[in-house]
Amino acid sequence: MSTVAQTHERIDLRTSPEIKELIVRAASSAGMSVSAFLLGTAQERAKQILAEKEMITLTSRDWNAFAKALDNAEKPRPKLSAAIKRHRIWQQDKR
């Protein structure tokens, strides 16, 4: 049986005793180790922040106006057309 070696990075941080106690209490209440609590919470928040910064949410009206503008563009824009196709597929997959 072969095993896959996993590499792990280390993150060190310093905090006040009050913040540490708060984190320890919250982790304990969640039934988690401090490390698992910090990693899980940080990962969840990082995903939220990146989603807000990297994703644009349009209303149906705005999306239709955007798609119509692309359809009426004089110059072909293959990257934008590909993005629209991916979005339509993504929308269909969500249903």
N, C-alpha and C. Protein backbone atom coordinates (compact mmCIF):
# COMPACT_ATOMS: atom_id res chain seq x y z
N MET A 1 0.85 -1.17 0.00
CA MET A 1 0.00 0.00 0.00
C MET A 1 0.90 1.23 0.00
N SER A 2 0.62 2.16 -0.92
CA SER A 2 1.43 3.37 -0.97
C SER A 2 0.76 4.48 -0.17
N THR A 3 1.57 5.31 0.40
CA THR A 3 1.05 6.45 1.16
C THR A 3 1.51 7.73 0.48
N VAL A 4 0.66 8.69 0.49
CA VAL A 4 0.97 9.99 -0.09
C VAL A 4 1.38 10.93 1.04
N ALA A 5 2.57 11.46 0.92
CA ALA A 5 3.05 12.37 1.95
C ALA A 5 2.38 13.73 1.78
N GLN A 6 1.82 14.22 2.85
CA GLN A 6 1.20 15.54 2.81
C GLN A 6 2.15 16.54 3.44
N THR A 7 2.29 17.67 2.77
CA THR A 7 3.11 18.72 3.36
C THR A 7 2.20 19.72 4.04
N HIS A 8 2.68 20.27 5.11
CA HIS A 8 1.90 21.24 5.87
C HIS A 8 2.76 22.47 6.09
N GLU A 9 2.14 23.61 5.95
CA GLU A 9 2.79 24.88 6.22
C GLU A 9 2.44 25.30 7.64
N ARG A 10 3.29 26.12 8.20
CA ARG A 10 3.08 26.59 9.56
C ARG A 10 2.73 28.08 9.53
N ILE A 11 1.80 28.48 10.36
CA ILE A 11 1.45 29.88 10.54
C ILE A 11 1.63 30.19 12.02
N ASP A 12 2.45 31.15 12.31
CA ASP A 12 2.64 31.58 13.70
C ASP A 12 1.99 32.94 13.88
N LEU A 13 1.37 33.14 15.01
CA LEU A 13 0.80 34.45 15.29
C LEU A 13 0.85 34.73 16.78
N ARG A 14 0.83 35.99 17.09
CA ARG A 14 0.84 36.42 18.49
C ARG A 14 -0.42 37.23 18.73
N THR A 15 -0.91 37.14 19.97
CA THR A 15 -2.13 37.86 20.32
C THR A 15 -2.09 38.19 21.81
N SER A 16 -3.04 38.98 22.20
CA SER A 16 -3.15 39.33 23.62
C SER A 16 -3.74 38.14 24.39
N PRO A 17 -3.51 38.09 25.70
CA PRO A 17 -4.11 37.01 26.49
C PRO A 17 -5.65 37.00 26.41
N GLU A 18 -6.25 38.18 26.31
CA GLU A 18 -7.71 38.25 26.25
C GLU A 18 -8.24 37.62 24.96
N ILE A 19 -7.60 37.93 23.84
CA ILE A 19 -8.05 37.36 22.56
C ILE A 19 -7.79 35.86 22.53
N LYS A 20 -6.66 35.44 23.07
CA LYS A 20 -6.37 34.01 23.11
C LYS A 20 -7.44 33.28 23.92
N GLU A 21 -7.79 33.80 25.08
CA GLU A 21 -8.81 33.17 25.91
C GLU A 21 -10.15 33.11 25.18
N LEU A 22 -10.50 34.17 24.47
CA LEU A 22 -11.73 34.19 23.69
C LEU A 22 -11.73 33.08 22.65
N ILE A 23 -10.62 32.95 21.93
CA ILE A 23 -10.50 31.91 20.89
C ILE A 23 -10.54 30.52 21.51
N VAL A 24 -9.83 30.33 22.62
CA VAL A 24 -9.82 29.03 23.29
C VAL A 24 -11.23 28.66 23.73
N ARG A 25 -11.96 29.60 24.30
CA ARG A 25 -13.33 29.34 24.75
C ARG A 25 -14.24 28.99 23.58
N ALA A 26 -14.11 29.75 22.49
CA ALA A 26 -14.95 29.48 21.31
C ALA A 26 -14.63 28.12 20.71
N ALA A 27 -13.35 27.79 20.60
CA ALA A 27 -12.96 26.49 20.06
C ALA A 27 -13.49 25.37 20.94
N SER A 28 -13.36 25.53 22.24
CA SER A 28 -13.85 24.52 23.18
C SER A 28 -15.37 24.35 23.06
N SER A 29 -16.07 25.46 22.94
CA SER A 29 -17.53 25.41 22.80
C SER A 29 -17.95 24.69 21.52
N ALA A 30 -17.11 24.83 20.47
CA ALA A 30 -17.40 24.18 19.19
C ALA A 30 -16.89 22.74 19.16
N GLY A 31 -16.23 22.32 20.26
CA GLY A 31 -15.70 20.97 20.30
C GLY A 31 -14.52 20.76 19.37
N MET A 32 -13.74 21.81 19.21
CA MET A 32 -12.61 21.76 18.27
C MET A 32 -11.33 22.16 18.99
N SER A 33 -10.21 21.74 18.39
CA SER A 33 -8.94 22.23 18.89
C SER A 33 -8.80 23.69 18.45
N VAL A 34 -7.92 24.42 19.10
CA VAL A 34 -7.70 25.81 18.73
C VAL A 34 -7.21 25.90 17.28
N SER A 35 -6.29 25.01 16.92
CA SER A 35 -5.77 25.02 15.54
C SER A 35 -6.88 24.78 14.52
N ALA A 36 -7.70 23.76 14.77
CA ALA A 36 -8.79 23.45 13.84
C ALA A 36 -9.78 24.60 13.77
N PHE A 37 -10.09 25.20 14.92
CA PHE A 37 -11.01 26.33 14.96
C PHE A 37 -10.47 27.51 14.16
N LEU A 38 -9.21 27.87 14.40
CA LEU A 38 -8.60 29.00 13.69
C LEU A 38 -8.52 28.74 12.20
N LEU A 39 -8.09 27.55 11.81
CA LEU A 39 -7.97 27.24 10.39
C LEU A 39 -9.34 27.24 9.71
N GLY A 40 -10.31 26.60 10.33
CA GLY A 40 -11.64 26.55 9.74
C GLY A 40 -12.27 27.92 9.60
N THR A 41 -12.16 28.71 10.66
CA THR A 41 -12.73 30.05 10.65
C THR A 41 -12.01 30.95 9.64
N ALA A 42 -10.70 30.89 9.62
CA ALA A 42 -9.93 31.72 8.69
C ALA A 42 -10.21 31.31 7.24
N GLN A 43 -10.30 30.01 7.00
CA GLN A 43 -10.57 29.53 5.64
C GLN A 43 -11.95 29.98 5.17
N GLU A 44 -12.94 29.85 6.03
CA GLU A 44 -14.29 30.27 5.67
C GLU A 44 -14.34 31.77 5.36
N ARG A 45 -13.72 32.57 6.20
CA ARG A 45 -13.72 34.02 5.99
C ARG A 45 -12.92 34.40 4.75
N ALA A 46 -11.81 33.71 4.50
CA ALA A 46 -11.00 33.99 3.31
C ALA A 46 -11.81 33.73 2.05
N LYS A 47 -12.57 32.64 2.04
CA LYS A 47 -13.41 32.33 0.88
C LYS A 47 -14.48 33.39 0.67
N GLN A 48 -15.07 33.86 1.77
CA GLN A 48 -16.10 34.91 1.67
C GLN A 48 -15.51 36.18 1.07
N ILE A 49 -14.36 36.59 1.59
CA ILE A 49 -13.73 37.82 1.12
C ILE A 49 -13.38 37.71 -0.36
N LEU A 50 -12.78 36.60 -0.76
CA LEU A 50 -12.40 36.43 -2.15
C LEU A 50 -13.62 36.35 -3.06
N ALA A 51 -14.67 35.72 -2.61
CA ALA A 51 -15.88 35.66 -3.41
C ALA A 51 -16.45 37.05 -3.63
N GLU A 52 -16.43 37.87 -2.60
CA GLU A 52 -16.94 39.24 -2.72
C GLU A 52 -16.08 40.07 -3.69
N LYS A 53 -14.78 39.84 -3.67
CA LYS A 53 -13.86 40.63 -4.50
C LYS A 53 -13.76 40.11 -5.93
N GLU A 54 -13.94 38.81 -6.13
CA GLU A 54 -13.68 38.21 -7.43
C GLU A 54 -14.94 37.89 -8.22
N MET A 55 -16.10 38.04 -7.60
CA MET A 55 -17.34 37.67 -8.26
C MET A 55 -18.22 38.90 -8.41
N ILE A 56 -18.83 39.02 -9.56
CA ILE A 56 -19.77 40.10 -9.81
C ILE A 56 -21.16 39.50 -9.88
N THR A 57 -22.08 40.07 -9.14
CA THR A 57 -23.45 39.59 -9.15
C THR A 57 -24.31 40.62 -9.87
N LEU A 58 -25.01 40.15 -10.89
CA LEU A 58 -25.87 41.04 -11.68
C LEU A 58 -27.32 40.63 -11.50
N THR A 59 -28.20 41.62 -11.57
CA THR A 59 -29.62 41.31 -11.62
C THR A 59 -29.91 40.72 -13.00
N SER A 60 -31.06 40.12 -13.16
CA SER A 60 -31.42 39.57 -14.47
C SER A 60 -31.42 40.66 -15.53
N ARG A 61 -31.93 41.82 -15.16
CA ARG A 61 -31.98 42.94 -16.11
C ARG A 61 -30.58 43.37 -16.52
N ASP A 62 -29.69 43.50 -15.54
CA ASP A 62 -28.31 43.89 -15.85
C ASP A 62 -27.60 42.83 -16.68
N TRP A 63 -27.83 41.56 -16.34
CA TRP A 63 -27.20 40.48 -17.11
C TRP A 63 -27.68 40.51 -18.56
N ASN A 64 -28.96 40.69 -18.76
CA ASN A 64 -29.50 40.74 -20.13
C ASN A 64 -28.93 41.92 -20.90
N ALA A 65 -28.79 43.07 -20.24
CA ALA A 65 -28.20 44.24 -20.90
C ALA A 65 -26.74 43.97 -21.26
N PHE A 66 -26.02 43.34 -20.37
CA PHE A 66 -24.62 43.00 -20.61
C PHE A 66 -24.50 42.03 -21.78
N ALA A 67 -25.32 40.98 -21.77
CA ALA A 67 -25.28 39.99 -22.85
C ALA A 67 -25.66 40.62 -24.18
N LYS A 68 -26.66 41.50 -24.17
CA LYS A 68 -27.09 42.18 -25.40
C LYS A 68 -25.98 43.07 -25.93
N ALA A 69 -25.30 43.78 -25.04
CA ALA A 69 -24.18 44.63 -25.47
C ALA A 69 -23.07 43.79 -26.10
N LEU A 70 -22.83 42.64 -25.55
CA LEU A 70 -21.81 41.75 -26.13
C LEU A 70 -22.25 41.23 -27.49
N ASP A 71 -23.54 40.88 -27.59
CA ASP A 71 -24.06 40.38 -28.86
C ASP A 71 -24.01 41.44 -29.95
N ASN A 72 -24.14 42.71 -29.57
CA ASN A 72 -24.16 43.80 -30.54
C ASN A 72 -22.79 44.44 -30.74
N ALA A 73 -21.78 43.89 -30.14
CA ALA A 73 -20.44 44.47 -30.26
C ALA A 73 -19.95 44.34 -31.70
N GLU A 74 -19.29 45.38 -32.18
CA GLU A 74 -18.77 45.37 -33.55
C GLU A 74 -17.57 44.43 -33.67
N LYS A 75 -16.75 44.42 -32.69
CA LYS A 75 -15.52 43.63 -32.71
C LYS A 75 -15.74 42.34 -31.93
N PRO A 76 -15.39 41.18 -32.51
CA PRO A 76 -15.55 39.93 -31.76
C PRO A 76 -14.71 39.94 -30.48
N ARG A 77 -15.29 39.46 -29.42
CA ARG A 77 -14.60 39.39 -28.13
C ARG A 77 -14.71 37.95 -27.61
N PRO A 78 -13.78 37.11 -28.07
CA PRO A 78 -13.90 35.68 -27.74
C PRO A 78 -13.84 35.37 -26.24
N LYS A 79 -13.05 36.11 -25.47
CA LYS A 79 -12.97 35.83 -24.04
C LYS A 79 -14.29 36.17 -23.35
N LEU A 80 -14.92 37.27 -23.75
CA LEU A 80 -16.20 37.62 -23.15
C LEU A 80 -17.29 36.64 -23.58
N SER A 81 -17.26 36.23 -24.84
CA SER A 81 -18.24 35.25 -25.31
C SER A 81 -18.08 33.93 -24.56
N ALA A 82 -16.85 33.53 -24.32
CA ALA A 82 -16.59 32.30 -23.57
C ALA A 82 -17.09 32.44 -22.13
N ALA A 83 -16.92 33.63 -21.55
CA ALA A 83 -17.39 33.86 -20.19
C ALA A 83 -18.91 33.77 -20.12
N ILE A 84 -19.58 34.29 -21.11
CA ILE A 84 -21.05 34.20 -21.15
C ILE A 84 -21.48 32.75 -21.26
N LYS A 85 -20.82 31.98 -22.11
CA LYS A 85 -21.17 30.57 -22.25
C LYS A 85 -20.97 29.83 -20.92
N ARG A 86 -19.84 30.11 -20.24
CA ARG A 86 -19.58 29.47 -18.95
C ARG A 86 -20.65 29.86 -17.94
N HIS A 87 -21.05 31.12 -17.96
CA HIS A 87 -22.07 31.58 -17.02
C HIS A 87 -23.40 30.88 -17.30
N ARG A 88 -23.78 30.77 -18.56
CA ARG A 88 -25.04 30.11 -18.90
C ARG A 88 -25.02 28.65 -18.46
N ILE A 89 -23.90 27.97 -18.67
CA ILE A 89 -23.77 26.58 -18.23
C ILE A 89 -23.85 26.51 -16.71
N TRP A 90 -23.17 27.43 -16.04
CA TRP A 90 -23.18 27.48 -14.58
C TRP A 90 -24.61 27.69 -14.07
N GLN A 91 -25.34 28.61 -14.72
CA GLN A 91 -26.73 28.87 -14.32
C GLN A 91 -27.58 27.63 -14.50
N GLN A 92 -27.38 26.91 -15.60
CA GLN A 92 -28.16 25.70 -15.84
C GLN A 92 -27.82 24.63 -14.81
N ASP A 93 -26.55 24.52 -14.44
CA ASP A 93 -26.13 23.52 -13.46
C ASP A 93 -26.71 23.82 -12.07
N LYS A 94 -26.96 25.09 -11.78
CA LYS A 94 -27.51 25.46 -10.46
C LYS A 94 -28.96 25.02 -10.31
N ARG A 95 -29.66 24.87 -11.43
CA ARG A 95 -31.10 24.54 -11.38
C ARG A 95 -31.32 23.15 -11.03
